[in-house]
Amino acid sequence: KFDREYLDLLQKKIESNKATTEEYKSLDFFIKSTVDIPNYVLNSLA
């Protein structure tokens, strides 16, 4: 479930480097499903 509360928590975890690979995958999935940009995070890392 992608809601404001989840995104706030995810942002805090990413900023403190506590997010898991699955959470990064979920963010990439949500970005793709919302604005149709596939692999946004992975492409930034590349």
ModelCIF file with pLDDT and N, C-alpha, C, O atoms, coordinates in Angstrom:
data_MODEL
#
_entry.id   MODEL 
#
_entity.id                         1 
_entity.type                       polymer 
_entity.pdbx_number_of_molecules   1 
#
_entity_poly.entity_id                      1 
_entity_poly.type                           'polypeptide(L)' 
_entity_poly.nstd_linkage                   no 
_entity_poly.nstd_monomer                   no 
_entity_poly.pdbx_seq_one_letter_code       KFDREYLDLLQKKIESNKATTEEYKSLDFFIKSTVDIPNYVLNSLA 
_entity_poly.pdbx_seq_one_letter_code_can   KFDREYLDLLQKKIESNKATTEEYKSLDFFIKSTVDIPNYVLNSLA 
_entity_poly.pdbx_strand_id                 A 
#
loop_
_entity_poly_seq.entity_id 
_entity_poly_seq.num 
_entity_poly_seq.mon_id 
_entity_poly_seq.hetero 
1 1  LYS n 
1 2  PHE n 
1 3  ASP n 
1 4  ARG n 
1 5  GLU n 
1 6  TYR n 
1 7  LEU n 
1 8  ASP n 
1 9  LEU n 
1 10 LEU n 
1 11 GLN n 
1 12 LYS n 
1 13 LYS n 
1 14 ILE n 
1 15 GLU n 
1 16 SER n 
1 17 ASN n 
1 18 LYS n 
1 19 ALA n 
1 20 THR n 
1 21 THR n 
1 22 GLU n 
1 23 GLU n 
1 24 TYR n 
1 25 LYS n 
1 26 SER n 
1 27 LEU n 
1 28 ASP n 
1 29 PHE n 
1 30 PHE n 
1 31 ILE n 
1 32 LYS n 
1 33 SER n 
1 34 THR n 
1 35 VAL n 
1 36 ASP n 
1 37 ILE n 
1 38 PRO n 
1 39 ASN n 
1 40 TYR n 
1 41 VAL n 
1 42 LEU n 
1 43 ASN n 
1 44 SER n 
1 45 LEU n 
1 46 ALA n 
#
_struct_asym.id          A 
_struct_asym.entity_id   1 
#
loop_
_ma_qa_metric.id 
_ma_qa_metric.mode 
_ma_qa_metric.name 
_ma_qa_metric.software_group_id 
_ma_qa_metric.type 
1 global pLDDT . pLDDT 
2 local  pLDDT . pLDDT 
#
_ma_qa_metric_global.metric_id      1 
_ma_qa_metric_global.metric_value   93.46 
_ma_qa_metric_global.model_id       1 
_ma_qa_metric_global.ordinal_id     1 
#
loop_
_ma_qa_metric_local.label_asym_id 
_ma_qa_metric_local.label_comp_id 
_ma_qa_metric_local.label_seq_id 
_ma_qa_metric_local.metric_id 
_ma_qa_metric_local.metric_value 
_ma_qa_metric_local.model_id 
_ma_qa_metric_local.ordinal_id 
A LYS 1  2 77.00 1 1  
A PHE 2  2 81.00 1 2  
A ASP 3  2 89.00 1 3  
A ARG 4  2 92.00 1 4  
A GLU 5  2 93.00 1 5  
A TYR 6  2 92.00 1 6  
A LEU 7  2 95.00 1 7  
A ASP 8  2 96.00 1 8  
A LEU 9  2 96.00 1 9  
A LEU 10 2 96.00 1 10 
A GLN 11 2 96.00 1 11 
A LYS 12 2 97.00 1 12 
A LYS 13 2 97.00 1 13 
A ILE 14 2 96.00 1 14 
A GLU 15 2 95.00 1 15 
A SER 16 2 95.00 1 16 
A ASN 17 2 94.00 1 17 
A LYS 18 2 96.00 1 18 
A ALA 19 2 97.00 1 19 
A THR 20 2 96.00 1 20 
A THR 21 2 96.00 1 21 
A GLU 22 2 95.00 1 22 
A GLU 23 2 95.00 1 23 
A TYR 24 2 96.00 1 24 
A LYS 25 2 94.00 1 25 
A SER 26 2 93.00 1 26 
A LEU 27 2 95.00 1 27 
A ASP 28 2 95.00 1 28 
A PHE 29 2 93.00 1 29 
A PHE 30 2 92.00 1 30 
A ILE 31 2 94.00 1 31 
A LYS 32 2 93.00 1 32 
A SER 33 2 90.00 1 33 
A THR 34 2 90.00 1 34 
A VAL 35 2 89.00 1 35 
A ASP 36 2 91.00 1 36 
A ILE 37 2 92.00 1 37 
A PRO 38 2 93.00 1 38 
A ASN 39 2 95.00 1 39 
A TYR 40 2 95.00 1 40 
A VAL 41 2 95.00 1 41 
A LEU 42 2 95.00 1 42 
A ASN 43 2 95.00 1 43 
A SER 44 2 93.00 1 44 
A LEU 45 2 94.00 1 45 
A ALA 46 2 95.00 1 46 
#
loop_
_atom_site.group_PDB 
_atom_site.id 
_atom_site.type_symbol 
_atom_site.label_atom_id 
_atom_site.label_alt_id 
_atom_site.label_comp_id 
_atom_site.label_asym_id 
_atom_site.label_entity_id 
_atom_site.label_seq_id 
_atom_site.pdbx_PDB_ins_code 
_atom_site.Cartn_x 
_atom_site.Cartn_y 
_atom_site.Cartn_z 
_atom_site.occupancy 
_atom_site.B_iso_or_equiv 
_atom_site.pdbx_formal_charge 
_atom_site.auth_seq_id 
_atom_site.auth_comp_id 
_atom_site.auth_asym_id 
_atom_site.auth_atom_id 
_atom_site.pdbx_PDB_model_num 
ATOM 1   N N  . LYS A 1 1  ? 0.864  -1.185 0.000   1.00 77.00 ? 1  LYS A N  1 
ATOM 2   C CA . LYS A 1 1  ? 0.000  0.000  0.000   1.00 77.00 ? 1  LYS A CA 1 
ATOM 3   C C  . LYS A 1 1  ? 0.899  1.233  0.000   1.00 77.00 ? 1  LYS A C  1 
ATOM 4   O O  . LYS A 1 1  ? 1.672  1.450  0.933   1.00 77.00 ? 1  LYS A O  1 
ATOM 5   N N  . PHE A 1 2  ? 0.791  2.015  -1.029  1.00 81.00 ? 2  PHE A N  1 
ATOM 6   C CA . PHE A 1 2  ? 1.587  3.233  -1.130  1.00 81.00 ? 2  PHE A CA 1 
ATOM 7   C C  . PHE A 1 2  ? 0.721  4.413  -0.727  1.00 81.00 ? 2  PHE A C  1 
ATOM 8   O O  . PHE A 1 2  ? -0.137 4.867  -1.484  1.00 81.00 ? 2  PHE A O  1 
ATOM 9   N N  . ASP A 1 3  ? 0.962  4.891  0.462   1.00 89.00 ? 3  ASP A N  1 
ATOM 10  C CA . ASP A 1 3  ? 0.266  6.073  0.937   1.00 89.00 ? 3  ASP A CA 1 
ATOM 11  C C  . ASP A 1 3  ? 1.304  7.024  1.526   1.00 89.00 ? 3  ASP A C  1 
ATOM 12  O O  . ASP A 1 3  ? 2.489  6.698  1.594   1.00 89.00 ? 3  ASP A O  1 
ATOM 13  N N  . ARG A 1 4  ? 0.858  8.173  1.941   1.00 92.00 ? 4  ARG A N  1 
ATOM 14  C CA . ARG A 1 4  ? 1.771  9.198  2.462   1.00 92.00 ? 4  ARG A CA 1 
ATOM 15  C C  . ARG A 1 4  ? 2.573  8.672  3.656   1.00 92.00 ? 4  ARG A C  1 
ATOM 16  O O  . ARG A 1 4  ? 3.772  8.930  3.765   1.00 92.00 ? 4  ARG A O  1 
ATOM 17  N N  . GLU A 1 5  ? 1.912  7.942  4.542   1.00 93.00 ? 5  GLU A N  1 
ATOM 18  C CA . GLU A 1 5  ? 2.585  7.412  5.731   1.00 93.00 ? 5  GLU A CA 1 
ATOM 19  C C  . GLU A 1 5  ? 3.713  6.454  5.343   1.00 93.00 ? 5  GLU A C  1 
ATOM 20  O O  . GLU A 1 5  ? 4.816  6.540  5.883   1.00 93.00 ? 5  GLU A O  1 
ATOM 21  N N  . TYR A 1 6  ? 3.437  5.545  4.411   1.00 92.00 ? 6  TYR A N  1 
ATOM 22  C CA . TYR A 1 6  ? 4.458  4.604  3.957   1.00 92.00 ? 6  TYR A CA 1 
ATOM 23  C C  . TYR A 1 6  ? 5.618  5.351  3.293   1.00 92.00 ? 6  TYR A C  1 
ATOM 24  O O  . TYR A 1 6  ? 6.781  5.040  3.546   1.00 92.00 ? 6  TYR A O  1 
ATOM 25  N N  . LEU A 1 7  ? 5.306  6.325  2.452   1.00 95.00 ? 7  LEU A N  1 
ATOM 26  C CA . LEU A 1 7  ? 6.367  7.070  1.768   1.00 95.00 ? 7  LEU A CA 1 
ATOM 27  C C  . LEU A 1 7  ? 7.200  7.889  2.744   1.00 95.00 ? 7  LEU A C  1 
ATOM 28  O O  . LEU A 1 7  ? 8.410  8.018  2.559   1.00 95.00 ? 7  LEU A O  1 
ATOM 29  N N  . ASP A 1 8  ? 6.571  8.447  3.787   1.00 96.00 ? 8  ASP A N  1 
ATOM 30  C CA . ASP A 1 8  ? 7.328  9.169  4.817   1.00 96.00 ? 8  ASP A CA 1 
ATOM 31  C C  . ASP A 1 8  ? 8.304  8.236  5.523   1.00 96.00 ? 8  ASP A C  1 
ATOM 32  O O  . ASP A 1 8  ? 9.467  8.583  5.729   1.00 96.00 ? 8  ASP A O  1 
ATOM 33  N N  . LEU A 1 9  ? 7.824  7.048  5.892   1.00 96.00 ? 9  LEU A N  1 
ATOM 34  C CA . LEU A 1 9  ? 8.667  6.062  6.552   1.00 96.00 ? 9  LEU A CA 1 
ATOM 35  C C  . LEU A 1 9  ? 9.798  5.608  5.626   1.00 96.00 ? 9  LEU A C  1 
ATOM 36  O O  . LEU A 1 9  ? 10.954 5.513  6.041   1.00 96.00 ? 9  LEU A O  1 
ATOM 37  N N  . LEU A 1 10 ? 9.454  5.333  4.387   1.00 96.00 ? 10 LEU A N  1 
ATOM 38  C CA . LEU A 1 10 ? 10.457 4.903  3.414   1.00 96.00 ? 10 LEU A CA 1 
ATOM 39  C C  . LEU A 1 10 ? 11.521 5.985  3.220   1.00 96.00 ? 10 LEU A C  1 
ATOM 40  O O  . LEU A 1 10 ? 12.710 5.674  3.154   1.00 96.00 ? 10 LEU A O  1 
ATOM 41  N N  . GLN A 1 11 ? 11.118 7.221  3.129   1.00 96.00 ? 11 GLN A N  1 
ATOM 42  C CA . GLN A 1 11 ? 12.073 8.311  2.950   1.00 96.00 ? 11 GLN A CA 1 
ATOM 43  C C  . GLN A 1 11 ? 13.040 8.377  4.138   1.00 96.00 ? 11 GLN A C  1 
ATOM 44  O O  . GLN A 1 11 ? 14.245 8.539  3.950   1.00 96.00 ? 11 GLN A O  1 
ATOM 45  N N  . LYS A 1 12 ? 12.516 8.253  5.351   1.00 97.00 ? 12 LYS A N  1 
ATOM 46  C CA . LYS A 1 12 ? 13.384 8.283  6.539   1.00 97.00 ? 12 LYS A CA 1 
ATOM 47  C C  . LYS A 1 12 ? 14.361 7.117  6.523   1.00 97.00 ? 12 LYS A C  1 
ATOM 48  O O  . LYS A 1 12 ? 15.534 7.278  6.859   1.00 97.00 ? 12 LYS A O  1 
ATOM 49  N N  . LYS A 1 13 ? 13.872 5.935  6.128   1.00 97.00 ? 13 LYS A N  1 
ATOM 50  C CA . LYS A 1 13 ? 14.743 4.766  6.084   1.00 97.00 ? 13 LYS A CA 1 
ATOM 51  C C  . LYS A 1 13 ? 15.821 4.930  5.019   1.00 97.00 ? 13 LYS A C  1 
ATOM 52  O O  . LYS A 1 13 ? 16.967 4.538  5.237   1.00 97.00 ? 13 LYS A O  1 
ATOM 53  N N  . ILE A 1 14 ? 15.473 5.498  3.884   1.00 96.00 ? 14 ILE A N  1 
ATOM 54  C CA . ILE A 1 14 ? 16.461 5.713  2.816   1.00 96.00 ? 14 ILE A CA 1 
ATOM 55  C C  . ILE A 1 14 ? 17.484 6.754  3.249   1.00 96.00 ? 14 ILE A C  1 
ATOM 56  O O  . ILE A 1 14 ? 18.684 6.567  3.047   1.00 96.00 ? 14 ILE A O  1 
ATOM 57  N N  . GLU A 1 15 ? 17.024 7.835  3.833   1.00 95.00 ? 15 GLU A N  1 
ATOM 58  C CA . GLU A 1 15 ? 17.950 8.886  4.268   1.00 95.00 ? 15 GLU A CA 1 
ATOM 59  C C  . GLU A 1 15 ? 18.947 8.371  5.305   1.00 95.00 ? 15 GLU A C  1 
ATOM 60  O O  . GLU A 1 15 ? 20.102 8.797  5.317   1.00 95.00 ? 15 GLU A O  1 
ATOM 61  N N  . SER A 1 16 ? 18.510 7.459  6.173   1.00 95.00 ? 16 SER A N  1 
ATOM 62  C CA . SER A 1 16 ? 19.400 6.919  7.204   1.00 95.00 ? 16 SER A CA 1 
ATOM 63  C C  . SER A 1 16 ? 20.079 5.613  6.765   1.00 95.00 ? 16 SER A C  1 
ATOM 64  O O  . SER A 1 16 ? 20.733 4.951  7.571   1.00 95.00 ? 16 SER A O  1 
ATOM 65  N N  . ASN A 1 17 ? 19.922 5.252  5.505   1.00 94.00 ? 17 ASN A N  1 
ATOM 66  C CA . ASN A 1 17 ? 20.501 4.049  4.906   1.00 94.00 ? 17 ASN A CA 1 
ATOM 67  C C  . ASN A 1 17 ? 20.063 2.776  5.644   1.00 94.00 ? 17 ASN A C  1 
ATOM 68  O O  . ASN A 1 17 ? 20.857 1.860  5.857   1.00 94.00 ? 17 ASN A O  1 
ATOM 69  N N  . LYS A 1 18 ? 18.797 2.742  6.021   1.00 96.00 ? 18 LYS A N  1 
ATOM 70  C CA . LYS A 1 18 ? 18.226 1.570  6.692   1.00 96.00 ? 18 LYS A CA 1 
ATOM 71  C C  . LYS A 1 18 ? 17.241 0.824  5.787   1.00 96.00 ? 18 LYS A C  1 
ATOM 72  O O  . LYS A 1 18 ? 16.710 -0.212 6.185   1.00 96.00 ? 18 LYS A O  1 
ATOM 73  N N  . ALA A 1 19 ? 16.992 1.326  4.596   1.00 97.00 ? 19 ALA A N  1 
ATOM 74  C CA . ALA A 1 19 ? 16.048 0.685  3.670   1.00 97.00 ? 19 ALA A CA 1 
ATOM 75  C C  . ALA A 1 19 ? 16.661 -0.593 3.110   1.00 97.00 ? 19 ALA A C  1 
ATOM 76  O O  . ALA A 1 19 ? 17.872 -0.685 2.911   1.00 97.00 ? 19 ALA A O  1 
ATOM 77  N N  . THR A 1 20 ? 15.808 -1.563 2.864   1.00 96.00 ? 20 THR A N  1 
ATOM 78  C CA . THR A 1 20 ? 16.251 -2.835 2.294   1.00 96.00 ? 20 THR A CA 1 
ATOM 79  C C  . THR A 1 20 ? 16.189 -2.774 0.769   1.00 96.00 ? 20 THR A C  1 
ATOM 80  O O  . THR A 1 20 ? 15.614 -1.853 0.188   1.00 96.00 ? 20 THR A O  1 
ATOM 81  N N  . THR A 1 21 ? 16.790 -3.768 0.143   1.00 96.00 ? 21 THR A N  1 
ATOM 82  C CA . THR A 1 21 ? 16.703 -3.832 -1.313  1.00 96.00 ? 21 THR A CA 1 
ATOM 83  C C  . THR A 1 21 ? 15.252 -3.966 -1.754  1.00 96.00 ? 21 THR A C  1 
ATOM 84  O O  . THR A 1 21 ? 14.865 -3.402 -2.778  1.00 96.00 ? 21 THR A O  1 
ATOM 85  N N  . GLU A 1 22 ? 14.452 -4.697 -1.005  1.00 95.00 ? 22 GLU A N  1 
ATOM 86  C CA . GLU A 1 22 ? 13.032 -4.854 -1.345  1.00 95.00 ? 22 GLU A CA 1 
ATOM 87  C C  . GLU A 1 22 ? 12.301 -3.508 -1.289  1.00 95.00 ? 22 GLU A C  1 
ATOM 88  O O  . GLU A 1 22 ? 11.413 -3.248 -2.100  1.00 95.00 ? 22 GLU A O  1 
ATOM 89  N N  . GLU A 1 23 ? 12.669 -2.671 -0.349  1.00 95.00 ? 23 GLU A N  1 
ATOM 90  C CA . GLU A 1 23 ? 12.033 -1.351 -0.261  1.00 95.00 ? 23 GLU A CA 1 
ATOM 91  C C  . GLU A 1 23 ? 12.435 -0.463 -1.436  1.00 95.00 ? 23 GLU A C  1 
ATOM 92  O O  . GLU A 1 23 ? 11.615 0.306  -1.938  1.00 95.00 ? 23 GLU A O  1 
ATOM 93  N N  . TYR A 1 24 ? 13.679 -0.563 -1.874  1.00 96.00 ? 24 TYR A N  1 
ATOM 94  C CA . TYR A 1 24 ? 14.084 0.172  -3.072  1.00 96.00 ? 24 TYR A CA 1 
ATOM 95  C C  . TYR A 1 24 ? 13.342 -0.346 -4.299  1.00 96.00 ? 24 TYR A C  1 
ATOM 96  O O  . TYR A 1 24 ? 12.920 0.433  -5.154  1.00 96.00 ? 24 TYR A O  1 
ATOM 97  N N  . LYS A 1 25 ? 13.187 -1.668 -4.380  1.00 94.00 ? 25 LYS A N  1 
ATOM 98  C CA . LYS A 1 25 ? 12.423 -2.248 -5.493  1.00 94.00 ? 25 LYS A CA 1 
ATOM 99  C C  . LYS A 1 25 ? 10.986 -1.744 -5.468  1.00 94.00 ? 25 LYS A C  1 
ATOM 100 O O  . LYS A 1 25 ? 10.414 -1.432 -6.513  1.00 94.00 ? 25 LYS A O  1 
ATOM 101 N N  . SER A 1 26 ? 10.404 -1.664 -4.276  1.00 93.00 ? 26 SER A N  1 
ATOM 102 C CA . SER A 1 26 ? 9.018  -1.198 -4.181  1.00 93.00 ? 26 SER A CA 1 
ATOM 103 C C  . SER A 1 26 ? 8.909  0.259  -4.624  1.00 93.00 ? 26 SER A C  1 
ATOM 104 O O  . SER A 1 26 ? 7.923  0.645  -5.252  1.00 93.00 ? 26 SER A O  1 
ATOM 105 N N  . LEU A 1 27 ? 9.912  1.065  -4.301  1.00 95.00 ? 27 LEU A N  1 
ATOM 106 C CA . LEU A 1 27 ? 9.902  2.462  -4.740  1.00 95.00 ? 27 LEU A CA 1 
ATOM 107 C C  . LEU A 1 27 ? 9.986  2.537  -6.256  1.00 95.00 ? 27 LEU A C  1 
ATOM 108 O O  . LEU A 1 27 ? 9.235  3.285  -6.881  1.00 95.00 ? 27 LEU A O  1 
ATOM 109 N N  . ASP A 1 28 ? 10.893 1.769  -6.855  1.00 95.00 ? 28 ASP A N  1 
ATOM 110 C CA . ASP A 1 28 ? 10.988 1.754  -8.316  1.00 95.00 ? 28 ASP A CA 1 
ATOM 111 C C  . ASP A 1 28 ? 9.659  1.307  -8.942  1.00 95.00 ? 28 ASP A C  1 
ATOM 112 O O  . ASP A 1 28 ? 9.225  1.873  -9.945  1.00 95.00 ? 28 ASP A O  1 
ATOM 113 N N  . PHE A 1 29 ? 9.019  0.299  -8.353  1.00 93.00 ? 29 PHE A N  1 
ATOM 114 C CA . PHE A 1 29 ? 7.724  -0.168 -8.852  1.00 93.00 ? 29 PHE A CA 1 
ATOM 115 C C  . PHE A 1 29 ? 6.678  0.944  -8.768  1.00 93.00 ? 29 PHE A C  1 
ATOM 116 O O  . PHE A 1 29 ? 5.925  1.164  -9.716  1.00 93.00 ? 29 PHE A O  1 
ATOM 117 N N  . PHE A 1 30 ? 6.634  1.639  -7.641  1.00 92.00 ? 30 PHE A N  1 
ATOM 118 C CA . PHE A 1 30 ? 5.636  2.697  -7.454  1.00 92.00 ? 30 PHE A CA 1 
ATOM 119 C C  . PHE A 1 30 ? 5.880  3.856  -8.420  1.00 92.00 ? 30 PHE A C  1 
ATOM 120 O O  . PHE A 1 30 ? 4.930  4.416  -8.969  1.00 92.00 ? 30 PHE A O  1 
ATOM 121 N N  . ILE A 1 31 ? 7.137  4.216  -8.627  1.00 94.00 ? 31 ILE A N  1 
ATOM 122 C CA . ILE A 1 31 ? 7.451  5.290  -9.575  1.00 94.00 ? 31 ILE A CA 1 
ATOM 123 C C  . ILE A 1 31 ? 6.990  4.881  -10.971 1.00 94.00 ? 31 ILE A C  1 
ATOM 124 O O  . ILE A 1 31 ? 6.377  5.679  -11.681 1.00 94.00 ? 31 ILE A O  1 
ATOM 125 N N  . LYS A 1 32 ? 7.283  3.644  -11.368 1.00 93.00 ? 32 LYS A N  1 
ATOM 126 C CA . LYS A 1 32 ? 6.871  3.177  -12.691 1.00 93.00 ? 32 LYS A CA 1 
ATOM 127 C C  . LYS A 1 32 ? 5.352  3.163  -12.821 1.00 93.00 ? 32 LYS A C  1 
ATOM 128 O O  . LYS A 1 32 ? 4.811  3.586  -13.843 1.00 93.00 ? 32 LYS A O  1 
ATOM 129 N N  . SER A 1 33 ? 4.672  2.683  -11.801 1.00 90.00 ? 33 SER A N  1 
ATOM 130 C CA . SER A 1 33 ? 3.213  2.579  -11.896 1.00 90.00 ? 33 SER A CA 1 
ATOM 131 C C  . SER A 1 33 ? 2.525  3.937  -11.793 1.00 90.00 ? 33 SER A C  1 
ATOM 132 O O  . SER A 1 33 ? 1.375  4.079  -12.209 1.00 90.00 ? 33 SER A O  1 
ATOM 133 N N  . THR A 1 34 ? 3.211  4.932  -11.246 1.00 90.00 ? 34 THR A N  1 
ATOM 134 C CA . THR A 1 34 ? 2.613  6.254  -11.088 1.00 90.00 ? 34 THR A CA 1 
ATOM 135 C C  . THR A 1 34 ? 2.942  7.187  -12.250 1.00 90.00 ? 34 THR A C  1 
ATOM 136 O O  . THR A 1 34 ? 2.054  7.845  -12.792 1.00 90.00 ? 34 THR A O  1 
ATOM 137 N N  . VAL A 1 35 ? 4.211  7.244  -12.631 1.00 89.00 ? 35 VAL A N  1 
ATOM 138 C CA . VAL A 1 35 ? 4.625  8.195  -13.675 1.00 89.00 ? 35 VAL A CA 1 
ATOM 139 C C  . VAL A 1 35 ? 5.298  7.518  -14.865 1.00 89.00 ? 35 VAL A C  1 
ATOM 140 O O  . VAL A 1 35 ? 5.847  8.185  -15.741 1.00 89.00 ? 35 VAL A O  1 
ATOM 141 N N  . ASP A 1 36 ? 5.250  6.201  -14.888 1.00 91.00 ? 36 ASP A N  1 
ATOM 142 C CA . ASP A 1 36 ? 5.755  5.412  -16.013 1.00 91.00 ? 36 ASP A CA 1 
ATOM 143 C C  . ASP A 1 36 ? 7.232  5.663  -16.330 1.00 91.00 ? 36 ASP A C  1 
ATOM 144 O O  . ASP A 1 36 ? 7.624  5.768  -17.492 1.00 91.00 ? 36 ASP A O  1 
ATOM 145 N N  . ILE A 1 37 ? 8.034  5.755  -15.277 1.00 92.00 ? 37 ILE A N  1 
ATOM 146 C CA . ILE A 1 37 ? 9.490  5.832  -15.454 1.00 92.00 ? 37 ILE A CA 1 
ATOM 147 C C  . ILE A 1 37 ? 10.058 4.537  -14.873 1.00 92.00 ? 37 ILE A C  1 
ATOM 148 O O  . ILE A 1 37 ? 10.146 4.393  -13.653 1.00 92.00 ? 37 ILE A O  1 
ATOM 149 N N  . PRO A 1 38 ? 10.444 3.595  -15.735 1.00 93.00 ? 38 PRO A N  1 
ATOM 150 C CA . PRO A 1 38 ? 10.948 2.315  -15.235 1.00 93.00 ? 38 PRO A CA 1 
ATOM 151 C C  . PRO A 1 38 ? 12.346 2.432  -14.637 1.00 93.00 ? 38 PRO A C  1 
ATOM 152 O O  . PRO A 1 38 ? 13.198 3.156  -15.154 1.00 93.00 ? 38 PRO A O  1 
ATOM 153 N N  . ASN A 1 39 ? 12.568 1.715  -13.547 1.00 95.00 ? 39 ASN A N  1 
ATOM 154 C CA . ASN A 1 39 ? 13.895 1.610  -12.927 1.00 95.00 ? 39 ASN A CA 1 
ATOM 155 C C  . ASN A 1 39 ? 14.536 2.960  -12.619 1.00 95.00 ? 39 ASN A C  1 
ATOM 156 O O  . ASN A 1 39 ? 15.730 3.145  -12.852 1.00 95.00 ? 39 ASN A O  1 
ATOM 157 N N  . TYR A 1 40 ? 13.770 3.881  -12.109 1.00 95.00 ? 40 TYR A N  1 
ATOM 158 C CA . TYR A 1 40 ? 14.273 5.226  -11.827 1.00 95.00 ? 40 TYR A CA 1 
ATOM 159 C C  . TYR A 1 40 ? 15.485 5.182  -10.895 1.00 95.00 ? 40 TYR A C  1 
ATOM 160 O O  . TYR A 1 40 ? 16.512 5.804  -11.167 1.00 95.00 ? 40 TYR A O  1 
ATOM 161 N N  . VAL A 1 41 ? 15.353 4.443  -9.801  1.00 95.00 ? 41 VAL A N  1 
ATOM 162 C CA . VAL A 1 41 ? 16.457 4.385  -8.833  1.00 95.00 ? 41 VAL A CA 1 
ATOM 163 C C  . VAL A 1 41 ? 17.646 3.645  -9.437  1.00 95.00 ? 41 VAL A C  1 
ATOM 164 O O  . VAL A 1 41 ? 18.776 4.128  -9.363  1.00 95.00 ? 41 VAL A O  1 
ATOM 165 N N  . LEU A 1 42 ? 17.406 2.494  -10.025 1.00 95.00 ? 42 LEU A N  1 
ATOM 166 C CA . LEU A 1 42 ? 18.515 1.730  -10.621 1.00 95.00 ? 42 LEU A CA 1 
ATOM 167 C C  . LEU A 1 42 ? 19.226 2.510  -11.716 1.00 95.00 ? 42 LEU A C  1 
ATOM 168 O O  . LEU A 1 42 ? 20.451 2.449  -11.816 1.00 95.00 ? 42 LEU A O  1 
ATOM 169 N N  . ASN A 1 43 ? 18.495 3.231  -12.524 1.00 95.00 ? 43 ASN A N  1 
ATOM 170 C CA . ASN A 1 43 ? 19.130 4.040  -13.573 1.00 95.00 ? 43 ASN A CA 1 
ATOM 171 C C  . ASN A 1 43 ? 19.968 5.163  -12.973 1.00 95.00 ? 43 ASN A C  1 
ATOM 172 O O  . ASN A 1 43 ? 21.021 5.506  -13.510 1.00 95.00 ? 43 ASN A O  1 
ATOM 173 N N  . SER A 1 44 ? 19.510 5.735  -11.868 1.00 93.00 ? 44 SER A N  1 
ATOM 174 C CA . SER A 1 44 ? 20.301 6.759  -11.185 1.00 93.00 ? 44 SER A CA 1 
ATOM 175 C C  . SER A 1 44 ? 21.602 6.170  -10.647 1.00 93.00 ? 44 SER A C  1 
ATOM 176 O O  . SER A 1 44 ? 22.654 6.807  -10.710 1.00 93.00 ? 44 SER A O  1 
ATOM 177 N N  . LEU A 1 45 ? 21.524 4.961  -10.123 1.00 94.00 ? 45 LEU A N  1 
ATOM 178 C CA . LEU A 1 45 ? 22.717 4.298  -9.594  1.00 94.00 ? 45 LEU A CA 1 
ATOM 179 C C  . LEU A 1 45 ? 23.698 3.945  -10.709 1.00 94.00 ? 45 LEU A C  1 
ATOM 180 O O  . LEU A 1 45 ? 24.912 4.045  -10.530 1.00 94.00 ? 45 LEU A O  1 
ATOM 181 N N  . ALA A 1 46 ? 23.173 3.537  -11.845 1.00 95.00 ? 46 ALA A N  1 
ATOM 182 C CA . ALA A 1 46 ? 24.028 3.112  -12.960 1.00 95.00 ? 46 ALA A CA 1 
ATOM 183 C C  . ALA A 1 46 ? 24.931 4.245  -13.435 1.00 95.00 ? 46 ALA A C  1 
ATOM 184 O O  . ALA A 1 46 ? 25.714 4.061  -14.367 1.00 95.00 ? 46 ALA A O  1 
#
